[in-house]
Amino acid sequence: MIHSASSSPSERSIAIAAASAASVTRAPRPPIDQIHIDKASALRTSLQQVPEVRPEVVERARALAADPAYPSDSIIRQISQVIVNSPDLSEDVS
């Protein structure tokens, strides 16, 4: 507890001014999530311009499917490790 006799009037006024300034300063508010639908029509138009089937991608998939070396042994080992190290979700009790 601060007693009124413990400081001079000028020290009290400085302390009061400092406390007032501190209470006025507020932390910045986090940004508010917003959605802008004005660009939705431009996005829709762009999506309509993309062909449903891309022949170059289909051709690459065919080539990879026909390649007996695809996927490489290295990739198969990496994927195997990921599968082995992943948790067994059937044993999850939470």
C-alpha atoms as a PDB file:
ATOM      1  CA  MET A   1       0.000   0.000   0.000  1.00  0.00           C
ATOM      2  CA  ILE A   2       1.325   3.484  -0.820  1.00  0.00           C
ATOM      3  CA  HIS A   3       0.739   6.066   1.863  1.00  0.00           C
ATOM      4  CA  SER A   4       0.038   9.619   0.825  1.00  0.00           C
ATOM      5  CA  ALA A   5       2.808  10.879   3.103  1.00  0.00           C
ATOM      6  CA  SER A   6       5.407   8.744   1.338  1.00  0.00           C
ATOM      7  CA  SER A   7       5.809  10.992  -1.677  1.00  0.00           C
ATOM      8  CA  SER A   8       5.648  14.629  -2.543  1.00  0.00           C
ATOM      9  CA  PRO A   9       2.722  16.071  -4.553  1.00  0.00           C
ATOM     10  CA  SER A  10       4.892  16.335  -7.653  1.00  0.00           C
ATOM     11  CA  GLU A  11       5.940  12.669  -7.396  1.00  0.00           C
ATOM     12  CA  ARG A  12       2.292  11.681  -7.018  1.00  0.00           C
ATOM     13  CA  SER A  13       1.250  13.667 -10.071  1.00  0.00           C
ATOM     14  CA  ILE A  14       4.052  12.069 -12.116  1.00  0.00           C
ATOM     15  CA  ALA A  15       2.967   8.616 -10.927  1.00  0.00           C
ATOM     16  CA  ILE A  16      -0.679   9.375 -11.726  1.00  0.00           C
ATOM     17  CA  ALA A  17       0.242  10.652 -15.188  1.00  0.00           C
ATOM     18  CA  ALA A  18       2.348   7.548 -15.853  1.00  0.00           C
ATOM     19  CA  ALA A  19      -0.463   5.263 -14.704  1.00  0.00           C
ATOM     20  CA  SER A  20      -2.964   7.109 -16.894  1.00  0.00           C
ATOM     21  CA  ALA A  21      -0.700   6.843 -19.930  1.00  0.00           C
ATOM     22  CA  ALA A  22      -0.176   3.133 -19.296  1.00  0.00           C
ATOM     23  CA  SER A  23      -3.897   2.465 -19.048  1.00  0.00           C
ATOM     24  CA  VAL A  24      -4.596   4.277 -22.318  1.00  0.00           C
ATOM     25  CA  THR A  25      -2.012   2.242 -24.230  1.00  0.00           C
ATOM     26  CA  ARG A  26      -3.676  -0.947 -25.386  1.00  0.00           C
ATOM     27  CA  ALA A  27      -2.300  -3.993 -27.067  1.00  0.00           C
ATOM     28  CA  PRO A  28      -2.995  -4.089 -30.785  1.00  0.00           C
ATOM     29  CA  ARG A  29      -6.014  -6.147 -31.718  1.00  0.00           C
ATOM     30  CA  PRO A  30      -5.460  -9.229 -33.830  1.00  0.00           C
ATOM     31  CA  PRO A  31      -6.601  -8.867 -37.427  1.00  0.00           C
ATOM     32  CA  ILE A  32     -10.203  -9.799 -38.108  1.00  0.00           C
ATOM     33  CA  ASP A  33     -10.771 -12.634 -40.556  1.00  0.00           C
ATOM     34  CA  GLN A  34     -12.394 -11.373 -43.714  1.00  0.00           C
ATOM     35  CA  ILE A  35     -13.655 -12.868 -46.914  1.00  0.00           C
ATOM     36  CA  HIS A  36     -13.734 -10.985 -50.175  1.00  0.00           C
ATOM     37  CA  ILE A  37     -16.227 -12.441 -52.616  1.00  0.00           C
ATOM     38  CA  ASP A  38     -15.658  -9.732 -55.201  1.00  0.00           C
ATOM     39  CA  LYS A  39     -12.864 -11.826 -56.749  1.00  0.00           C
ATOM     40  CA  ALA A  40     -14.875 -15.046 -56.798  1.00  0.00           C
ATOM     41  CA  SER A  41     -16.100 -14.475 -60.354  1.00  0.00           C
ATOM     42  CA  ALA A  42     -12.528 -13.977 -61.600  1.00  0.00           C
ATOM     43  CA  LEU A  43     -11.502 -17.210 -59.879  1.00  0.00           C
ATOM     44  CA  ARG A  44     -14.479 -19.034 -61.367  1.00  0.00           C
ATOM     45  CA  THR A  45     -13.556 -17.759 -64.848  1.00  0.00           C
ATOM     46  CA  SER A  46      -9.947 -18.881 -64.405  1.00  0.00           C
ATOM     47  CA  LEU A  47     -11.068 -22.333 -63.290  1.00  0.00           C
ATOM     48  CA  GLN A  48     -13.341 -22.660 -66.307  1.00  0.00           C
ATOM     49  CA  GLN A  49     -10.392 -21.963 -68.604  1.00  0.00           C
ATOM     50  CA  VAL A  50      -8.400 -24.901 -67.228  1.00  0.00           C
ATOM     51  CA  PRO A  51      -9.169 -28.005 -69.265  1.00  0.00           C
ATOM     52  CA  GLU A  52     -10.771 -30.864 -67.359  1.00  0.00           C
ATOM     53  CA  VAL A  53      -8.316 -33.341 -68.857  1.00  0.00           C
ATOM     54  CA  ARG A  54      -4.749 -32.233 -69.455  1.00  0.00           C
ATOM     55  CA  PRO A  55      -3.282 -34.462 -72.179  1.00  0.00           C
ATOM     56  CA  GLU A  56       0.355 -33.809 -71.182  1.00  0.00           C
ATOM     57  CA  VAL A  57      -0.342 -34.980 -67.634  1.00  0.00           C
ATOM     58  CA  VAL A  58      -2.153 -38.080 -68.869  1.00  0.00           C
ATOM     59  CA  GLU A  59       0.769 -38.888 -71.150  1.00  0.00           C
ATOM     60  CA  ARG A  60       3.275 -38.493 -68.303  1.00  0.00           C
ATOM     61  CA  ALA A  61       1.168 -40.805 -66.115  1.00  0.00           C
ATOM     62  CA  ARG A  62       1.087 -43.425 -68.880  1.00  0.00           C
ATOM     63  CA  ALA A  63       4.852 -43.216 -69.295  1.00  0.00           C
ATOM     64  CA  LEU A  64       5.445 -43.596 -65.569  1.00  0.00           C
ATOM     65  CA  ALA A  65       3.006 -46.520 -65.329  1.00  0.00           C
ATOM     66  CA  ALA A  66       4.843 -48.295 -68.158  1.00  0.00           C
ATOM     67  CA  ASP A  67       8.283 -47.696 -66.608  1.00  0.00           C
ATOM     68  CA  PRO A  68       9.317 -50.787 -64.589  1.00  0.00           C
ATOM     69  CA  ALA A  69      11.847 -48.668 -62.644  1.00  0.00           C
ATOM     70  CA  TYR A  70       9.146 -46.316 -61.362  1.00  0.00           C
ATOM     71  CA  PRO A  71       8.953 -45.680 -58.497  1.00  0.00           C
ATOM     72  CA  SER A  72      12.610 -46.140 -57.670  1.00  0.00           C
ATOM     73  CA  ASP A  73      13.788 -48.400 -54.857  1.00  0.00           C
ATOM     74  CA  SER A  74      14.828 -45.309 -52.934  1.00  0.00           C
ATOM     75  CA  ILE A  75      11.322 -43.847 -53.074  1.00  0.00           C
ATOM     76  CA  ILE A  76       9.769 -47.165 -52.073  1.00  0.00           C
ATOM     77  CA  ARG A  77      12.111 -47.381 -49.039  1.00  0.00           C
ATOM     78  CA  GLN A  78      11.264 -43.808 -48.020  1.00  0.00           C
ATOM     79  CA  ILE A  79       7.521 -44.445 -48.260  1.00  0.00           C
ATOM     80  CA  SER A  80       7.937 -47.710 -46.357  1.00  0.00           C
ATOM     81  CA  GLN A  81       9.709 -45.901 -43.526  1.00  0.00           C
ATOM     82  CA  VAL A  82       6.947 -43.312 -43.323  1.00  0.00           C
ATOM     83  CA  ILE A  83       4.325 -46.055 -43.102  1.00  0.00           C
ATOM     84  CA  VAL A  84       6.265 -48.041 -40.480  1.00  0.00           C
ATOM     85  CA  ASN A  85       6.892 -44.935 -38.367  1.00  0.00           C
ATOM     86  CA  SER A  86       3.316 -43.652 -38.520  1.00  0.00           C
ATOM     87  CA  PRO A  87       1.112 -44.262 -35.479  1.00  0.00           C
ATOM     88  CA  ASP A  88      -1.417 -47.075 -35.529  1.00  0.00           C
ATOM     89  CA  LEU A  89      -4.678 -45.151 -35.340  1.00  0.00           C
ATOM     90  CA  SER A  90      -6.677 -48.300 -34.627  1.00  0.00           C
ATOM     91  CA  GLU A  91      -4.983 -48.405 -31.215  1.00  0.00           C
ATOM     92  CA  ASP A  92      -5.768 -44.791 -30.356  1.00  0.00           C
ATOM     93  CA  VAL A  93      -7.756 -44.705 -27.103  1.00  0.00           C
ATOM     94  CA  SER A  94      -8.311 -40.956 -26.878  1.00  0.00           C
END
